[in-house]
Amino acid sequence: MAIITRYVVEHKGVEKFVTADKKEADKYDKMLEVADNLAEYIEAKGMKFEPDVLEDLAIMLSKNKDALAKLFKGTEAKAVLSDEKADVVALGKKKA
């Protein structure tokens, strides 16, 4: 029998992420904390969104903080998006 350690990241009472890697769990938890701070900041600036839309927006911004940093430094969106596509590996379909 094996003993497996799992790290569960909960956010607002909902299980969001499960992993066996503590470092990955901590990273995801930090991303969610940043997203909460972003959502609070966005609301404080007078932007009105439905709560679930605001949460999705804040999480997307938090997950893409490195790309956003490039955009804030003046890199064009096309270049940032192109770099992101270069990171994706397309897997071909298996031939029968």
Protein backbone atom coordinates (compact mmCIF):
# COMPACT_ATOMS: atom_id res chain seq x y z
CA MET A 1 0.00 0.00 0.00
CA ALA A 2 1.31 3.44 -0.91
CA ILE A 3 1.00 6.64 1.05
CA ILE A 4 0.36 9.65 -1.16
CA THR A 5 0.64 13.21 0.02
CA ARG A 6 -1.67 15.63 -1.74
CA TYR A 7 -1.78 19.38 -1.38
CA VAL A 8 -5.20 20.94 -1.88
CA VAL A 9 -5.59 24.64 -2.57
CA GLU A 10 -8.97 26.00 -1.54
CA HIS A 11 -10.24 29.43 -2.46
CA LYS A 12 -13.38 30.83 -0.89
CA GLY A 13 -14.35 27.36 0.28
CA VAL A 14 -13.95 25.75 -3.16
CA GLU A 15 -11.27 23.22 -4.02
CA LYS A 16 -9.33 24.82 -6.87
CA PHE A 17 -6.13 22.81 -7.26
CA VAL A 18 -4.79 19.43 -6.11
CA THR A 19 -1.19 18.34 -6.53
CA ALA A 20 1.48 16.17 -4.97
CA ASP A 21 4.00 19.01 -5.29
CA LYS A 22 4.06 21.44 -2.36
CA LYS A 23 5.94 24.05 -4.39
CA GLU A 24 3.25 24.02 -7.10
CA ALA A 25 0.50 24.26 -4.48
CA ASP A 26 2.23 27.26 -2.86
CA LYS A 27 2.67 28.89 -6.28
CA TYR A 28 -1.02 28.43 -7.12
CA ASP A 29 -2.07 29.72 -3.71
CA LYS A 30 0.08 32.83 -4.21
CA MET A 31 -1.49 33.38 -7.63
CA LEU A 32 -4.96 33.28 -6.03
CA GLU A 33 -3.85 35.77 -3.35
CA VAL A 34 -2.61 38.14 -6.06
CA ALA A 35 -5.92 37.68 -7.92
CA ASP A 36 -7.85 38.63 -4.77
CA ASN A 37 -5.74 41.77 -4.40
CA LEU A 38 -6.25 42.64 -8.07
CA ALA A 39 -10.01 42.20 -7.75
CA GLU A 40 -10.08 44.47 -4.71
CA TYR A 41 -7.97 47.06 -6.55
CA ILE A 42 -10.16 46.94 -9.66
CA GLU A 43 -13.30 47.44 -7.57
CA ALA A 44 -11.70 50.30 -5.62
CA LYS A 45 -10.99 52.07 -8.92
CA GLY A 46 -14.72 52.09 -9.67
CA MET A 47 -14.84 49.32 -12.23
CA LYS A 48 -18.10 47.38 -12.00
CA PHE A 49 -18.20 43.70 -12.94
CA GLU A 50 -20.34 40.76 -11.95
CA PRO A 51 -18.51 38.94 -9.11
CA ASP A 52 -17.70 35.84 -11.17
CA VAL A 53 -16.48 37.95 -14.11
CA LEU A 54 -14.29 40.01 -11.77
CA GLU A 55 -12.83 36.84 -10.26
CA ASP A 56 -12.12 35.34 -13.69
CA LEU A 57 -10.52 38.60 -14.86
CA ALA A 58 -8.36 38.89 -11.74
CA ILE A 59 -7.22 35.25 -12.01
CA MET A 60 -6.38 35.67 -15.70
CA LEU A 61 -4.34 38.80 -14.93
CA SER A 62 -2.56 37.07 -12.06
CA LYS A 63 -1.75 33.96 -14.13
CA ASN A 64 -0.31 36.16 -16.88
CA LYS A 65 1.68 38.59 -14.74
CA ASP A 66 4.90 38.06 -16.74
CA ALA A 67 3.18 38.85 -20.03
CA LEU A 68 1.51 41.89 -18.46
CA ALA A 69 4.88 43.14 -17.23
CA LYS A 70 6.14 43.02 -20.83
CA LEU A 71 3.08 44.95 -22.00
CA PHE A 72 3.61 47.61 -19.32
CA LYS A 73 7.20 47.98 -20.55
CA GLY A 74 5.92 48.75 -24.05
CA THR A 75 6.09 45.41 -25.81
CA GLU A 76 3.35 45.07 -28.40
CA ALA A 77 0.53 42.63 -27.65
CA LYS A 78 1.21 40.75 -30.90
CA ALA A 79 4.77 40.03 -29.79
CA VAL A 80 3.68 38.85 -26.33
CA LEU A 81 0.97 36.64 -27.80
CA SER A 82 3.42 35.27 -30.36
CA ASP A 83 5.87 34.37 -27.57
CA GLU A 84 3.09 32.57 -25.70
CA LYS A 85 2.14 30.57 -28.79
CA ALA A 86 5.79 29.56 -29.20
CA ASP A 87 5.62 27.96 -25.73
CA VAL A 88 2.74 25.69 -26.78
CA VAL A 89 3.68 22.33 -28.20
CA ALA A 90 1.20 20.99 -30.73
CA LEU A 91 0.75 17.26 -30.52
CA GLY A 92 -0.10 15.49 -33.74
CA LYS A 93 -2.89 12.95 -33.98
CA LYS A 94 -1.89 9.33 -33.82
CA LYS A 95 -2.25 7.53 -37.10
CA ALA A 96 -4.31 4.38 -37.02
